[in-house]
Structures are given as structure tokens and as C-alpha cells.
Amino acid sequence: MIKPYVRRGSRPGDETYYLHIPREFVRALGISPNDVFELTIDTKDGLTLCYKRIKK
């Protein structure tokens, strides 16, 4: 289970949500700080977030 990390903005109600990737996943998948991901959202059966690594 991954919980979102919320950062408050300078104005009330202005927030940014982050999902932290567990260290074990980063190591197993070889994720680096230079990787770029594309987010797709599916709401058919609840909420599904799908990240796809984009090759440069």
C-alpha cells in the first residue's frame, strides 16, 4: 500500500500530491532519477493509476 504525500501550496486549497515509490521497487526495476514516466488513469473499476516508463 502506498499513501500519497501531500505538500501544501502558498495559497489555501493549493496542494500537490506525490506517490513515493518504495526503495525495493526502485532497485528491482532499475529506476533512476533521469527516468521519465507517463501517467494514465482508469476509473472503470475504481481508480487505477498506471505509470509507463518512457525511453528517450
Foldseek 3Di string as FASTA:
>chain_A
DWDWDWDDDPDPPRIDTDTDDDPVCCVVVVDDPPWDWDWDWDCPPHIDIDIDTDDD
